[in-house]
Protein backbone atom coordinates (compact mmCIF):
# COMPACT_ATOMS: atom_id res chain seq x y z
CA MET A 1 -19.98 -23.31 -30.99
CA GLY A 2 -19.66 -24.37 -27.37
CA SER A 3 -16.24 -25.70 -27.65
CA LYS A 4 -14.84 -22.49 -29.41
CA ILE A 5 -16.11 -20.54 -26.37
CA LYS A 6 -14.23 -22.82 -24.11
CA ILE A 7 -11.23 -22.56 -25.90
CA VAL A 8 -11.38 -18.71 -25.81
CA ILE A 9 -12.15 -18.72 -22.17
CA VAL A 10 -9.14 -21.04 -21.51
CA LEU A 11 -6.85 -19.01 -23.55
CA CYS A 12 -7.81 -15.79 -21.92
CA ALA A 13 -7.39 -17.42 -18.48
CA ALA A 14 -3.98 -18.63 -19.46
CA ALA A 15 -3.03 -15.11 -20.79
CA PHE A 16 -4.23 -13.44 -17.57
CA LEU A 17 -2.16 -15.91 -15.46
CA VAL A 18 0.86 -15.57 -17.55
CA THR A 19 0.57 -11.70 -17.13
CA VAL A 20 0.03 -11.76 -13.46
CA LEU A 21 3.15 -14.11 -13.21
CA LEU A 22 5.32 -11.88 -15.14
CA ILE A 23 4.30 -8.82 -13.17
CA PHE A 24 5.07 -10.64 -9.95
CA LEU A 25 8.28 -11.70 -11.27
CA ILE A 26 9.40 -8.26 -12.42
CA GLU A 27 8.14 -6.63 -9.22
CA ALA A 28 9.13 -9.20 -6.80
CA PRO A 29 11.56 -7.86 -4.19
CA GLU A 30 15.08 -8.81 -4.07
CA TYR A 31 16.72 -9.61 -0.56
CA ILE A 32 20.34 -9.12 0.07
CA ASN A 33 22.31 -12.23 0.84
CA THR A 34 25.58 -11.65 2.62
CA SER A 35 25.52 -15.09 4.55
CA PHE A 36 28.16 -16.57 2.08
CA ALA A 37 30.75 -14.02 2.79
CA GLU A 38 34.11 -15.25 4.27
CA ARG A 39 35.83 -11.88 3.55
CA VAL A 40 35.13 -8.32 2.91
CA ILE A 41 37.03 -5.70 1.10
CA VAL A 42 36.32 -2.03 1.46
CA GLU A 43 37.53 0.36 -1.34
CA PHE A 44 37.53 4.00 -1.46
CA THR A 45 37.89 5.69 -4.89
CA ASN A 46 37.11 9.35 -4.16
CA GLY A 47 40.08 11.70 -3.98
CA ALA A 48 43.84 11.67 -4.97
CA SER A 49 44.73 8.40 -3.23
CA PRO A 50 42.31 5.56 -3.80
CA PHE A 51 42.82 2.38 -1.73
CA SER A 52 41.37 -0.83 -0.78
CA THR A 53 41.64 -2.82 2.39
CA GLU A 54 40.48 -6.23 3.90
CA VAL A 55 38.16 -5.99 6.74
CA GLU A 56 38.89 -7.84 10.00
CA ILE A 57 36.71 -10.96 10.76
CA GLY A 58 34.82 -9.36 13.54
CA ASP A 59 33.78 -6.51 11.27
CA VAL A 60 33.13 -9.12 8.50
CA ILE A 61 30.45 -10.83 10.78
CA GLU A 62 29.01 -7.35 11.88
CA LEU A 63 28.65 -6.10 8.20
CA ARG A 64 27.07 -9.50 7.29
CA ASN A 65 24.56 -9.16 9.93
CA ILE A 66 23.79 -5.53 9.02
CA PHE A 67 23.15 -5.95 5.35
CA HIS A 68 21.76 -9.63 5.27
CA GLY A 69 18.06 -9.85 4.48
CA LYS A 70 17.62 -6.21 3.36
CA GLN A 71 14.93 -5.72 0.73
CA ALA A 72 16.25 -3.98 -2.25
CA VAL A 73 13.84 -1.91 -4.44
CA ARG A 74 14.34 -1.23 -8.02
CA ASP A 75 15.18 2.51 -7.87
CA SER A 76 17.98 4.95 -8.57
CA PRO A 77 19.18 6.68 -5.31
CA SER A 78 19.39 10.37 -5.19
CA CYS A 79 22.34 10.30 -2.57
CA PRO A 80 25.83 10.47 -3.71
CA ILE A 81 26.81 6.75 -4.36
CA GLY A 82 30.00 5.32 -5.78
CA SER A 83 33.00 6.53 -3.86
CA VAL A 84 32.95 3.56 -1.55
CA ARG A 85 32.36 -0.12 -2.41
CA ILE A 86 31.98 -2.92 0.27
CA THR A 87 32.51 -6.16 -1.49
CA PHE A 88 31.36 -9.42 0.29
CA ILE A 89 33.48 -12.34 -0.98
CA SER A 90 33.65 -15.98 -0.87
CA ASP A 91 35.49 -18.63 -2.89
CA ASP A 92 32.71 -18.52 -5.60
CA LYS A 93 30.65 -15.60 -5.08
CA GLU A 94 30.97 -11.70 -4.64
CA LEU A 95 28.41 -9.00 -3.77
CA SER A 96 29.36 -5.29 -3.94
CA LEU A 97 27.38 -2.65 -2.18
CA TYR A 98 27.77 0.99 -2.39
CA PRO A 99 26.83 3.20 0.66
CA ALA A 100 25.88 6.80 0.22
CA GLY A 101 28.75 9.35 1.00
CA ASP A 102 26.58 11.61 3.14
CA ASP A 103 24.43 10.96 6.23
CA CYS A 104 21.85 9.28 3.78
CA PRO A 105 20.99 5.73 4.88
CA THR A 106 20.76 4.53 1.39
CA VAL A 107 22.85 1.88 -0.08
CA ALA A 108 22.93 0.89 -3.77
CA THR A 109 23.54 -2.61 -5.06
CA GLY A 110 25.27 -3.68 -8.06
CA GLY A 111 22.18 -3.75 -10.47
CA ILE A 112 19.45 -4.65 -8.32
CA GLY A 113 18.62 -1.28 -6.92
CA CYS A 114 18.97 0.18 -3.46
CA PHE A 115 17.78 -0.11 0.22
CA MET A 116 17.80 1.95 3.31
CA LEU A 117 19.69 1.19 6.58
CA SER A 118 18.22 2.21 9.97
CA GLU A 119 19.65 4.96 11.65
CA ASN A 120 21.62 2.81 13.88
CA GLU A 121 22.78 0.60 11.38
CA ASN A 122 23.82 3.47 9.09
CA LYS A 123 25.78 4.85 11.98
CA ARG A 124 27.53 1.63 12.73
CA VAL A 125 28.43 1.09 9.02
CA ARG A 126 30.11 4.61 9.19
CA GLU A 127 31.95 3.69 12.44
CA ILE A 128 33.36 0.48 10.84
CA LEU A 129 34.37 2.20 7.65
CA VAL A 130 36.24 4.97 9.60
CA LYS A 131 38.44 2.21 11.28
CA TYR A 132 39.53 1.48 7.56
CA GLY A 133 40.34 5.04 6.66
CA ILE A 134 37.04 6.00 5.01
CA VAL A 135 35.81 9.14 6.71
CA TYR A 136 32.30 10.63 6.20
CA PRO A 137 31.31 12.84 4.42
CA PHE A 138 33.04 11.72 1.14
CA ILE A 139 30.85 13.22 -1.44
């Protein structure tokens, strides 16, 4: 009888550990990694004349620094998202981010969720995008 109780206790402990591990993996934060990017393409799809353009290297570095390390949460942003795509590119990897089209500091990721920029970061991203013909608001 004692060995059956030990087996039940071990099985319950194992089930508990597996449950905790699964919860942690499902809810673990995702961090944005832009350090790999050698190039950045910005695309504007809202309006009669959609376009895309490659970003100058100085702005590539600044955009990498702004977005790198941000913690994405699994959420659906309520701000208007989707008219602009910022794609970080290397030879073997791509990451697309979608900034909000109004003054909202929310940025959506391609499937991970979204994250927030600081007021200064959001302002700087808008200033960079204006250089490439993307003028706010674009809702």
